[in-house]
Amino acid sequence: MVTCTPAIPSWLARLYPFAPSSFQTPLGARMSYLDEGPRGDEAVVMLHGNPTWSFYYRDLVRELSPSIRCIVPDHVGMGLSEKPSHYDYRLGSRIADVEALVESLGLKRVHLVVHDWGGAIGFGLATRRPERVGRIVILNTAAFVSNAIPKRISLCRAPVLGEFLVRGLNGFAEPATWMAMAARRLTWDERRAYLYPYSSWANRIAVHRFVRDIPLEPGHPSRATLEAIEGALPSLAKNPKLILWGARDFCFDDTFLSRWRGIYPDARIDRVERAGHYVLEDAGPEAVHSISTFLRST
């Protein structure tokens, strides 16, 4: 089911020159997504994390869309998608939302680009439907259980205080505009664009729920989902992979990169020494060129 996506203000449209579509998820929320490029049953699906949104992939979409269909959803509660106060903001539902979108578009072959939480979501999709998956690009992310978490993120998970910090003070999305960068500073309008969807307590609900959904504890509601994804990662061993990694990431550091090396020893690895967590922003045209070359190769 298609519903209306809110209009994009002119200042944002200059950086994000797209016309998003909308999809109703199985749980009834409106998901905004980009569908750019030639129509067909093969596409590159790009999945963002927290607290980014499809804006993160804008330059890659501009590069690829003249020749390859690009599908870039905003997870429910993020970006231009609906931000319901009552929704199952768990990993399993995130995967189901993307899976339903892919099905609705009739995609028979998908190539993945995943970042941050997009890794667990994307590999959740891929391990359920490995026969449909082609090339995979991994950007500073994880799809396996880890107890490593920066103290500043751990604080945002704390009962009561964490919600006040994330939703009341915007203490997750706003600091990310500078903490996730290493090689350069975001421009004023880039920073403004990243924060645009998260302008109030109500609009920051999913930012907080993503933080709370990190399955550190054995009994966490999303722990079994992530463990199942981790266990199924070998089913994608033969898929061509590019790991493009920002070496100065304060969260997904080289410990995570080492885990990926162990899981997929045949993957091509481009470690960008100067880049931080927002590797596509820090590495810029170099990253876009590397990814587009990899995805276009045969």
C-alpha atoms as a PDB file:
ATOM      1  CA  MET A   1       0.000   0.000   0.000  1.00  0.00           C
ATOM      2  CA  VAL A   2       1.348   3.441  -0.977  1.00  0.00           C
ATOM      3  CA  THR A   3       0.718   6.483   1.211  1.00  0.00           C
ATOM      4  CA  CYS A   4       1.891  10.096   1.048  1.00  0.00           C
ATOM      5  CA  THR A   5       5.366  11.207   2.071  1.00  0.00           C
ATOM      6  CA  PRO A   6       5.704  14.676   3.620  1.00  0.00           C
ATOM      7  CA  ALA A   7       7.074  17.424   1.376  1.00  0.00           C
ATOM      8  CA  ILE A   8      10.800  18.089   1.574  1.00  0.00           C
ATOM      9  CA  PRO A   9      11.813  21.703   2.345  1.00  0.00           C
ATOM     10  CA  SER A  10      13.704  23.493  -0.415  1.00  0.00           C
ATOM     11  CA  TRP A  11      16.970  23.812   1.524  1.00  0.00           C
ATOM     12  CA  LEU A  12      17.050  20.031   2.078  1.00  0.00           C
ATOM     13  CA  ALA A  13      16.056  19.253  -1.514  1.00  0.00           C
ATOM     14  CA  ARG A  14      19.248  20.938  -2.713  1.00  0.00           C
ATOM     15  CA  LEU A  15      21.268  18.217  -0.940  1.00  0.00           C
ATOM     16  CA  TYR A  16      18.681  15.445  -1.252  1.00  0.00           C
ATOM     17  CA  PRO A  17      17.191  15.921  -4.739  1.00  0.00           C
ATOM     18  CA  PHE A  18      14.898  12.926  -4.663  1.00  0.00           C
ATOM     19  CA  ALA A  19      11.165  12.222  -4.571  1.00  0.00           C
ATOM     20  CA  PRO A  20      10.642   9.555  -1.883  1.00  0.00           C
ATOM     21  CA  SER A  21       7.938   6.942  -2.147  1.00  0.00           C
ATOM     22  CA  SER A  22       6.036   5.413   0.755  1.00  0.00           C
ATOM     23  CA  PHE A  23       5.183   1.860   1.755  1.00  0.00           C
ATOM     24  CA  GLN A  24       2.968   0.546   4.520  1.00  0.00           C
ATOM     25  CA  THR A  25       4.833  -1.991   6.635  1.00  0.00           C
ATOM     26  CA  PRO A  26       3.254  -5.233   7.867  1.00  0.00           C
ATOM     27  CA  LEU A  27       2.648  -3.566  11.244  1.00  0.00           C
ATOM     28  CA  GLY A  28       0.896  -0.630   9.589  1.00  0.00           C
ATOM     29  CA  ALA A  29       3.458   2.185   9.681  1.00  0.00           C
ATOM     30  CA  ARG A  30       4.401   4.412   6.748  1.00  0.00           C
ATOM     31  CA  MET A  31       7.945   3.755   5.547  1.00  0.00           C
ATOM     32  CA  SER A  32       9.575   6.349   3.295  1.00  0.00           C
ATOM     33  CA  TYR A  33      12.067   5.060   0.741  1.00  0.00           C
ATOM     34  CA  LEU A  34      13.976   6.141  -2.330  1.00  0.00           C
ATOM     35  CA  ASP A  35      13.455   4.253  -5.575  1.00  0.00           C
ATOM     36  CA  GLU A  36      15.875   5.768  -8.064  1.00  0.00           C
ATOM     37  CA  GLY A  37      17.178   4.495 -11.381  1.00  0.00           C
ATOM     38  CA  PRO A  38      15.963   2.131 -14.110  1.00  0.00           C
ATOM     39  CA  ARG A  39      13.061  -0.090 -13.086  1.00  0.00           C
ATOM     40  CA  GLY A  40      13.678  -3.806 -12.992  1.00  0.00           C
ATOM     41  CA  ASP A  41      13.745  -6.767 -10.627  1.00  0.00           C
ATOM     42  CA  GLU A  42      17.395  -6.191  -9.608  1.00  0.00           C
ATOM     43  CA  ALA A  43      18.482  -3.385  -7.288  1.00  0.00           C
ATOM     44  CA  VAL A  44      21.019  -2.154  -4.782  1.00  0.00           C
ATOM     45  CA  VAL A  45      19.365  -1.940  -1.359  1.00  0.00           C
ATOM     46  CA  MET A  46      21.109   0.502   0.984  1.00  0.00           C
ATOM     47  CA  LEU A  47      20.357   0.241   4.704  1.00  0.00           C
ATOM     48  CA  HIS A  48      21.251   2.973   7.180  1.00  0.00           C
ATOM     49  CA  GLY A  49      21.724   2.816  10.927  1.00  0.00           C
ATOM     50  CA  ASN A  50      21.143   5.043  13.944  1.00  0.00           C
ATOM     51  CA  PRO A  51      20.804   8.041  13.928  1.00  0.00           C
ATOM     52  CA  THR A  52      21.243   8.457  10.177  1.00  0.00           C
ATOM     53  CA  TRP A  53      18.649   8.041   7.426  1.00  0.00           C
ATOM     54  CA  SER A  54      18.619   7.686   3.637  1.00  0.00           C
ATOM     55  CA  PHE A  55      20.331  11.084   3.414  1.00  0.00           C
ATOM     56  CA  TYR A  56      23.549   9.227   4.308  1.00  0.00           C
ATOM     57  CA  TYR A  57      23.515   7.478   0.919  1.00  0.00           C
ATOM     58  CA  ARG A  58      22.663  10.524  -1.234  1.00  0.00           C
ATOM     59  CA  ASP A  59      25.984  10.683  -3.130  1.00  0.00           C
ATOM     60  CA  LEU A  60      26.062   6.941  -3.754  1.00  0.00           C
ATOM     61  CA  VAL A  61      22.496   7.070  -5.119  1.00  0.00           C
ATOM     62  CA  ARG A  62      23.438   9.914  -7.471  1.00  0.00           C
ATOM     63  CA  GLU A  63      26.424   7.911  -8.703  1.00  0.00           C
ATOM     64  CA  LEU A  64      24.663   4.576  -9.206  1.00  0.00           C
ATOM     65  CA  SER A  65      21.103   5.463 -10.190  1.00  0.00           C
ATOM     66  CA  PRO A  66      21.801   6.341 -13.852  1.00  0.00           C
ATOM     67  CA  SER A  67      22.522   2.644 -14.440  1.00  0.00           C
ATOM     68  CA  ILE A  68      21.385   0.650 -11.393  1.00  0.00           C
ATOM     69  CA  ARG A  69      18.105   0.734  -9.475  1.00  0.00           C
ATOM     70  CA  CYS A  70      18.668   2.027  -5.943  1.00  0.00           C
ATOM     71  CA  ILE A  71      16.263   1.290  -3.081  1.00  0.00           C
ATOM     72  CA  VAL A  72      16.983   3.194   0.133  1.00  0.00           C
ATOM     73  CA  PRO A  73      14.443   2.946   2.956  1.00  0.00           C
ATOM     74  CA  ASP A  74      14.181   5.061   6.069  1.00  0.00           C
ATOM     75  CA  HIS A  75      13.517   2.609   8.886  1.00  0.00           C
ATOM     76  CA  VAL A  76      10.252   3.258  10.715  1.00  0.00           C
ATOM     77  CA  GLY A  77      10.768   6.086  13.190  1.00  0.00           C
ATOM     78  CA  MET A  78      13.758   7.405  11.240  1.00  0.00           C
ATOM     79  CA  GLY A  79      14.261   9.911   8.436  1.00  0.00           C
ATOM     80  CA  LEU A  80      11.069  10.771   6.581  1.00  0.00           C
ATOM     81  CA  SER A  81       9.213   7.652   7.734  1.00  0.00           C
ATOM     82  CA  GLU A  82       6.351   7.727  10.210  1.00  0.00           C
ATOM     83  CA  LYS A  83       7.378   7.884  13.867  1.00  0.00           C
ATOM     84  CA  PRO A  84       4.635   6.049  15.753  1.00  0.00           C
ATOM     85  CA  SER A  85       4.681   6.111  19.541  1.00  0.00           C
ATOM     86  CA  HIS A  86       3.611   2.458  19.657  1.00  0.00           C
ATOM     87  CA  TYR A  87       5.563   0.165  17.337  1.00  0.00           C
ATOM     88  CA  ASP A  88       7.678  -2.934  17.676  1.00  0.00           C
ATOM     89  CA  TYR A  89      11.024  -1.200  17.334  1.00  0.00           C
ATOM     90  CA  ARG A  90      12.997  -4.461  17.472  1.00  0.00           C
ATOM     91  CA  LEU A  91      15.533  -6.022  15.124  1.00  0.00           C
ATOM     92  CA  GLY A  92      13.121  -8.732  13.993  1.00  0.00           C
ATOM     93  CA  SER A  93      10.518  -6.179  12.939  1.00  0.00           C
ATOM     94  CA  ARG A  94      13.151  -4.079  11.180  1.00  0.00           C
ATOM     95  CA  ILE A  95      14.127  -7.069   9.076  1.00  0.00           C
ATOM     96  CA  ALA A  96      10.488  -7.913   8.353  1.00  0.00           C
ATOM     97  CA  ASP A  97       9.821  -4.317   7.248  1.00  0.00           C
ATOM     98  CA  VAL A  98      12.647  -4.384   4.685  1.00  0.00           C
ATOM     99  CA  GLU A  99      11.756  -7.891   3.543  1.00  0.00           C
ATOM    100  CA  ALA A 100       8.157  -6.783   2.919  1.00  0.00           C
ATOM    101  CA  LEU A 101       9.360  -3.734   0.976  1.00  0.00           C
ATOM    102  CA  VAL A 102      11.608  -5.895  -1.217  1.00  0.00           C
ATOM    103  CA  GLU A 103       8.724  -8.277  -1.863  1.00  0.00           C
ATOM    104  CA  SER A 104       6.326  -5.442  -2.712  1.00  0.00           C
ATOM    105  CA  LEU A 105       8.763  -4.125  -5.327  1.00  0.00           C
ATOM    106  CA  GLY A 106       9.104  -7.532  -6.968  1.00  0.00           C
ATOM    107  CA  LEU A 107      12.863  -7.628  -6.528  1.00  0.00           C
ATOM    108  CA  LYS A 108      14.381 -10.979  -7.419  1.00  0.00           C
ATOM    109  CA  ARG A 109      18.032  -9.955  -7.016  1.00  0.00           C
ATOM    110  CA  VAL A 110      19.401  -7.526  -4.444  1.00  0.00           C
ATOM    111  CA  HIS A 111      22.880  -6.212  -3.760  1.00  0.00           C
ATOM    112  CA  LEU A 112      23.361  -4.784  -0.281  1.00  0.00           C
ATOM    113  CA  VAL A 113      25.141  -1.765   1.156  1.00  0.00           C
ATOM    114  CA  VAL A 114      24.913  -1.755   4.958  1.00  0.00           C
ATOM    115  CA  HIS A 115      26.086   0.601   7.683  1.00  0.00           C
ATOM    116  CA  ASP A 116      25.744   0.599  11.477  1.00  0.00           C
ATOM    117  CA  TRP A 117      22.380  -1.035  12.410  1.00  0.00           C
ATOM    118  CA  GLY A 118      21.872  -1.633   8.694  1.00  0.00           C
ATOM    119  CA  GLY A 119      24.364  -4.486   9.031  1.00  0.00           C
ATOM    120  CA  ALA A 120      22.217  -6.584  11.350  1.00  0.00           C
ATOM    121  CA  ILE A 121      19.074  -5.682   9.405  1.00  0.00           C
ATOM    122  CA  GLY A 122      20.633  -6.319   6.000  1.00  0.00           C
ATOM    123  CA  PHE A 123      22.282  -9.592   6.954  1.00  0.00           C
ATOM    124  CA  GLY A 124      19.028 -10.591   8.628  1.00  0.00           C
ATOM    125  CA  LEU A 125      17.352 -10.161   5.253  1.00  0.00           C
ATOM    126  CA  ALA A 126      20.227 -11.801   3.359  1.00  0.00           C
ATOM    127  CA  THR A 127      20.469 -14.892   5.555  1.00  0.00           C
ATOM    128  CA  ARG A 128      16.721 -15.457   5.163  1.00  0.00           C
ATOM    129  CA  ARG A 129      16.918 -15.151   1.377  1.00  0.00           C
ATOM    130  CA  PRO A 130      20.529 -15.968   0.409  1.00  0.00           C
ATOM    131  CA  GLU A 131      19.497 -17.113  -3.074  1.00  0.00           C
ATOM    132  CA  ARG A 132      18.387 -13.543  -3.896  1.00  0.00           C
ATOM    133  CA  VAL A 133      21.529 -11.785  -2.691  1.00  0.00           C
ATOM    134  CA  GLY A 134      24.393 -10.705  -4.939  1.00  0.00           C
ATOM    135  CA  ARG A 135      27.206  -8.381  -3.935  1.00  0.00           C
ATOM    136  CA  ILE A 136      27.543  -7.013  -0.404  1.00  0.00           C
ATOM    137  CA  VAL A 137      29.222  -3.804   0.773  1.00  0.00           C
ATOM    138  CA  ILE A 138      29.963  -3.605   4.509  1.00  0.00           C
ATOM    139  CA  LEU A 139      30.520  -0.155   6.062  1.00  0.00           C
ATOM    140  CA  ASN A 140      31.492   0.046   9.755  1.00  0.00           C
ATOM    141  CA  THR A 141      28.866  -2.280  11.127  1.00  0.00           C
ATOM    142  CA  ALA A 142      28.296  -5.639  12.787  1.00  0.00           C
ATOM    143  CA  ALA A 143      25.899  -8.542  12.331  1.00  0.00           C
ATOM    144  CA  PHE A 144      27.099 -10.623  15.252  1.00  0.00           C
ATOM    145  CA  VAL A 145      26.941 -10.521  19.028  1.00  0.00           C
ATOM    146  CA  SER A 146      29.448  -8.258  20.760  1.00  0.00           C
ATOM    147  CA  ASN A 147      29.672  -6.849  24.266  1.00  0.00           C
ATOM    148  CA  ALA A 148      31.890  -3.970  23.153  1.00  0.00           C
ATOM    149  CA  ILE A 149      30.103  -0.635  23.546  1.00  0.00           C
ATOM    150  CA  PRO A 150      31.473   2.870  24.169  1.00  0.00           C
ATOM    151  CA  LYS A 151      30.575   4.303  27.579  1.00  0.00           C
ATOM    152  CA  ARG A 152      28.833   7.263  25.958  1.00  0.00           C
ATOM    153  CA  ILE A 153      26.440   4.899  24.148  1.00  0.00           C
ATOM    154  CA  SER A 154      26.030   2.719  27.233  1.00  0.00           C
ATOM    155  CA  LEU A 155      24.903   5.821  29.131  1.00  0.00           C
ATOM    156  CA  CYS A 156      22.180   6.391  26.539  1.00  0.00           C
ATOM    157  CA  ARG A 157      20.819   2.896  27.317  1.00  0.00           C
ATOM    158  CA  ALA A 158      20.408   3.625  31.019  1.00  0.00           C
ATOM    159  CA  PRO A 159      16.848   3.465  32.378  1.00  0.00           C
ATOM    160  CA  VAL A 160      15.135   6.885  32.606  1.00  0.00           C
ATOM    161  CA  LEU A 161      18.374   8.879  32.214  1.00  0.00           C
ATOM    162  CA  GLY A 162      19.059   7.404  28.784  1.00  0.00           C
ATOM    163  CA  GLU A 163      15.662   8.372  27.432  1.00  0.00           C
ATOM    164  CA  PHE A 164      16.018  11.890  28.823  1.00  0.00           C
ATOM    165  CA  LEU A 165      19.441  12.260  27.185  1.00  0.00           C
ATOM    166  CA  VAL A 166      18.422  10.847  23.797  1.00  0.00           C
ATOM    167  CA  ARG A 167      14.893  12.202  23.452  1.00  0.00           C
ATOM    168  CA  GLY A 168      14.928  15.243  25.691  1.00  0.00           C
ATOM    169  CA  LEU A 169      18.392  16.663  25.007  1.00  0.00           C
ATOM    170  CA  ASN A 170      18.958  15.090  21.571  1.00  0.00           C
ATOM    171  CA  GLY A 171      22.086  13.634  23.138  1.00  0.00           C
ATOM    172  CA  PHE A 172      22.581  10.939  20.513  1.00  0.00           C
ATOM    173  CA  ALA A 173      21.738  12.375  17.090  1.00  0.00           C
ATOM    174  CA  GLU A 174      23.303  15.783  17.701  1.00  0.00           C
ATOM    175  CA  PRO A 175      26.683  14.585  19.053  1.00  0.00           C
ATOM    176  CA  ALA A 176      26.864  12.088  16.174  1.00  0.00           C
ATOM    177  CA  THR A 177      27.185  14.977  13.712  1.00  0.00           C
ATOM    178  CA  TRP A 178      30.702  15.587  15.007  1.00  0.00           C
ATOM    179  CA  MET A 179      31.670  12.397  16.871  1.00  0.00           C
ATOM    180  CA  ALA A 180      31.088  10.239  13.779  1.00  0.00           C
ATOM    181  CA  MET A 181      33.381  12.416  11.666  1.00  0.00           C
ATOM    182  CA  ALA A 182      37.183  12.371  11.630  1.00  0.00           C
ATOM    183  CA  ALA A 183      38.595  13.700   8.346  1.00  0.00           C
ATOM    184  CA  ARG A 184      36.401  16.780   8.077  1.00  0.00           C
ATOM    185  CA  ARG A 185      33.467  18.610   9.597  1.00  0.00           C
ATOM    186  CA  LEU A 186      29.986  18.356   8.191  1.00  0.00           C
ATOM    187  CA  THR A 187      28.813  21.561   6.573  1.00  0.00           C
ATOM    188  CA  TRP A 188      26.054  23.469   8.344  1.00  0.00           C
ATOM    189  CA  ASP A 189      23.425  22.210   5.908  1.00  0.00           C
ATOM    190  CA  GLU A 190      24.667  18.604   6.110  1.00  0.00           C
ATOM    191  CA  ARG A 191      24.457  18.746   9.893  1.00  0.00           C
ATOM    192  CA  ARG A 192      21.034  20.354   9.641  1.00  0.00           C
ATOM    193  CA  ALA A 193      19.899  17.589   7.280  1.00  0.00           C
ATOM    194  CA  TYR A 194      21.006  14.788   9.589  1.00  0.00           C
ATOM    195  CA  LEU A 195      19.100  16.380  12.472  1.00  0.00           C
ATOM    196  CA  TYR A 196      16.028  17.406  10.453  1.00  0.00           C
ATOM    197  CA  PRO A 197      13.981  14.238  11.164  1.00  0.00           C
ATOM    198  CA  TYR A 198      14.698  14.363  14.902  1.00  0.00           C
ATOM    199  CA  SER A 199      13.346  17.747  15.908  1.00  0.00           C
ATOM    200  CA  SER A 200      11.366  16.819  19.026  1.00  0.00           C
ATOM    201  CA  TRP A 201      10.897  14.330  21.843  1.00  0.00           C
ATOM    202  CA  ALA A 202       8.261  12.477  19.808  1.00  0.00           C
ATOM    203  CA  ASN A 203      10.415  12.360  16.677  1.00  0.00           C
ATOM    204  CA  ARG A 204      13.365  10.847  18.544  1.00  0.00           C
ATOM    205  CA  ILE A 205      11.553   7.735  19.710  1.00  0.00           C
ATOM    206  CA  ALA A 206      13.287   5.360  17.294  1.00  0.00           C
ATOM    207  CA  VAL A 207      16.707   6.868  17.965  1.00  0.00           C
ATOM    208  CA  HIS A 208      16.259   5.861  21.587  1.00  0.00           C
ATOM    209  CA  ARG A 209      14.688   2.493  20.761  1.00  0.00           C
ATOM    210  CA  PHE A 210      17.610   1.605  18.485  1.00  0.00           C
ATOM    211  CA  VAL A 211      20.004   2.264  21.374  1.00  0.00           C
ATOM    212  CA  ARG A 212      17.857   0.191  23.728  1.00  0.00           C
ATOM    213  CA  ASP A 213      17.737  -2.622  21.160  1.00  0.00           C
ATOM    214  CA  ILE A 214      21.481  -3.301  21.296  1.00  0.00           C
ATOM    215  CA  PRO A 215      21.353  -6.922  22.557  1.00  0.00           C
ATOM    216  CA  LEU A 216      24.175  -6.916  25.078  1.00  0.00           C
ATOM    217  CA  GLU A 217      22.410  -9.001  27.723  1.00  0.00           C
ATOM    218  CA  PRO A 218      21.801 -12.759  27.183  1.00  0.00           C
ATOM    219  CA  GLY A 219      18.077 -12.336  27.851  1.00  0.00           C
ATOM    220  CA  HIS A 220      17.608  -9.287  25.626  1.00  0.00           C
ATOM    221  CA  PRO A 221      14.533  -9.560  23.327  1.00  0.00           C
ATOM    222  CA  SER A 222      16.673  -9.182  20.179  1.00  0.00           C
ATOM    223  CA  ARG A 223      19.541 -11.401  21.300  1.00  0.00           C
ATOM    224  CA  ALA A 224      18.184 -14.605  19.753  1.00  0.00           C
ATOM    225  CA  THR A 225      17.507 -12.808  16.467  1.00  0.00           C
ATOM    226  CA  LEU A 226      21.074 -11.537  16.251  1.00  0.00           C
ATOM    227  CA  GLU A 227      22.524 -14.901  17.291  1.00  0.00           C
ATOM    228  CA  ALA A 228      20.564 -16.579  14.496  1.00  0.00           C
ATOM    229  CA  ILE A 229      21.916 -14.070  11.972  1.00  0.00           C
ATOM    230  CA  GLU A 230      25.469 -14.626  13.203  1.00  0.00           C
ATOM    231  CA  GLY A 231      25.057 -18.374  12.906  1.00  0.00           C
ATOM    232  CA  ALA A 232      23.842 -18.052   9.310  1.00  0.00           C
ATOM    233  CA  LEU A 233      26.591 -15.704   8.074  1.00  0.00           C
ATOM    234  CA  PRO A 234      28.591 -18.592   6.519  1.00  0.00           C
ATOM    235  CA  SER A 235      25.706 -19.140   4.070  1.00  0.00           C
ATOM    236  CA  LEU A 236      26.862 -15.947   2.323  1.00  0.00           C
ATOM    237  CA  ALA A 237      30.545 -16.882   2.200  1.00  0.00           C
ATOM    238  CA  LYS A 238      30.627 -17.089  -1.599  1.00  0.00           C
ATOM    239  CA  ASN A 239      28.991 -13.714  -2.238  1.00  0.00           C
ATOM    240  CA  PRO A 240      31.488 -11.071  -3.422  1.00  0.00           C
ATOM    241  CA  LYS A 241      32.099  -8.575  -0.626  1.00  0.00           C
ATOM    242  CA  LEU A 242      33.717  -5.200  -0.172  1.00  0.00           C
ATOM    243  CA  ILE A 243      34.456  -4.077   3.373  1.00  0.00           C
ATOM    244  CA  LEU A 244      35.012  -0.325   3.308  1.00  0.00           C
ATOM    245  CA  TRP A 245      36.058   0.661   6.801  1.00  0.00           C
ATOM    246  CA  GLY A 246      36.641   3.973   8.536  1.00  0.00           C
ATOM    247  CA  ALA A 247      39.666   3.318  10.751  1.00  0.00           C
ATOM    248  CA  ARG A 248      38.881   6.163  13.190  1.00  0.00           C
ATOM    249  CA  ASP A 249      35.421   4.968  14.212  1.00  0.00           C
ATOM    250  CA  PHE A 250      34.837   5.531  17.935  1.00  0.00           C
ATOM    251  CA  CYS A 251      32.283   2.682  18.041  1.00  0.00           C
ATOM    252  CA  PHE A 252      32.854   0.107  15.291  1.00  0.00           C
ATOM    253  CA  ASP A 253      36.622  -0.015  15.633  1.00  0.00           C
ATOM    254  CA  ASP A 254      39.158  -2.458  14.210  1.00  0.00           C
ATOM    255  CA  THR A 255      38.022  -5.141  16.647  1.00  0.00           C
ATOM    256  CA  PHE A 256      34.868  -5.415  14.583  1.00  0.00           C
ATOM    257  CA  LEU A 257      36.871  -5.349  11.369  1.00  0.00           C
ATOM    258  CA  SER A 258      38.905  -8.279  12.650  1.00  0.00           C
ATOM    259  CA  ARG A 259      35.706 -10.203  13.287  1.00  0.00           C
ATOM    260  CA  TRP A 260      34.616  -9.603   9.692  1.00  0.00           C
ATOM    261  CA  ARG A 261      38.036 -10.739   8.440  1.00  0.00           C
ATOM    262  CA  GLY A 262      37.575 -13.987  10.315  1.00  0.00           C
ATOM    263  CA  ILE A 263      34.045 -14.565   9.028  1.00  0.00           C
ATOM    264  CA  TYR A 264      34.760 -13.603   5.411  1.00  0.00           C
ATOM    265  CA  PRO A 265      38.512 -14.045   4.782  1.00  0.00           C
ATOM    266  CA  ASP A 266      38.034 -13.661   1.015  1.00  0.00           C
ATOM    267  CA  ALA A 267      36.396 -10.230   1.270  1.00  0.00           C
ATOM    268  CA  ARG A 268      38.149  -7.257  -0.293  1.00  0.00           C
ATOM    269  CA  ILE A 269      39.013  -4.739   2.428  1.00  0.00           C
ATOM    270  CA  ASP A 270      39.505  -1.013   1.918  1.00  0.00           C
ATOM    271  CA  ARG A 271      40.520   0.454   5.275  1.00  0.00           C
ATOM    272  CA  VAL A 272      40.367   4.252   5.095  1.00  0.00           C
ATOM    273  CA  GLU A 273      42.808   5.505   7.695  1.00  0.00           C
ATOM    274  CA  ARG A 274      41.457   9.056   7.967  1.00  0.00           C
ATOM    275  CA  ALA A 275      37.722   8.203   8.079  1.00  0.00           C
ATOM    276  CA  GLY A 276      35.431   7.892  11.079  1.00  0.00           C
ATOM    277  CA  HIS A 277      32.097   6.183  11.611  1.00  0.00           C
ATOM    278  CA  TYR A 278      30.360   8.165   8.865  1.00  0.00           C
ATOM    279  CA  VAL A 279      32.799   6.701   6.371  1.00  0.00           C
ATOM    280  CA  LEU A 280      30.792   7.808   3.315  1.00  0.00           C
ATOM    281  CA  GLU A 281      30.982  11.400   4.530  1.00  0.00           C
ATOM    282  CA  ASP A 282      34.645  11.307   5.526  1.00  0.00           C
ATOM    283  CA  ALA A 283      35.969   9.349   2.546  1.00  0.00           C
ATOM    284  CA  GLY A 284      33.632  11.134   0.114  1.00  0.00           C
ATOM    285  CA  PRO A 285      34.199  10.602  -3.636  1.00  0.00           C
ATOM    286  CA  GLU A 286      36.865   7.980  -2.943  1.00  0.00           C
ATOM    287  CA  ALA A 287      34.359   5.788  -1.105  1.00  0.00           C
ATOM    288  CA  VAL A 288      31.625   6.334  -3.677  1.00  0.00           C
ATOM    289  CA  HIS A 289      33.997   5.435  -6.517  1.00  0.00           C
ATOM    290  CA  SER A 290      35.221   2.306  -4.727  1.00  0.00           C
ATOM    291  CA  ILE A 291      31.678   1.085  -4.034  1.00  0.00           C
ATOM    292  CA  SER A 292      30.325   1.880  -7.476  1.00  0.00           C
ATOM    293  CA  THR A 293      33.266   0.124  -9.168  1.00  0.00           C
ATOM    294  CA  PHE A 294      32.741  -2.941  -6.994  1.00  0.00           C
ATOM    295  CA  LEU A 295      28.981  -3.093  -7.612  1.00  0.00           C
ATOM    296  CA  ARG A 296      29.370  -2.637 -11.357  1.00  0.00           C
ATOM    297  CA  SER A 297      32.063  -5.293 -11.723  1.00  0.00           C
ATOM    298  CA  THR A 298      31.171  -8.731 -13.075  1.00  0.00           C
END
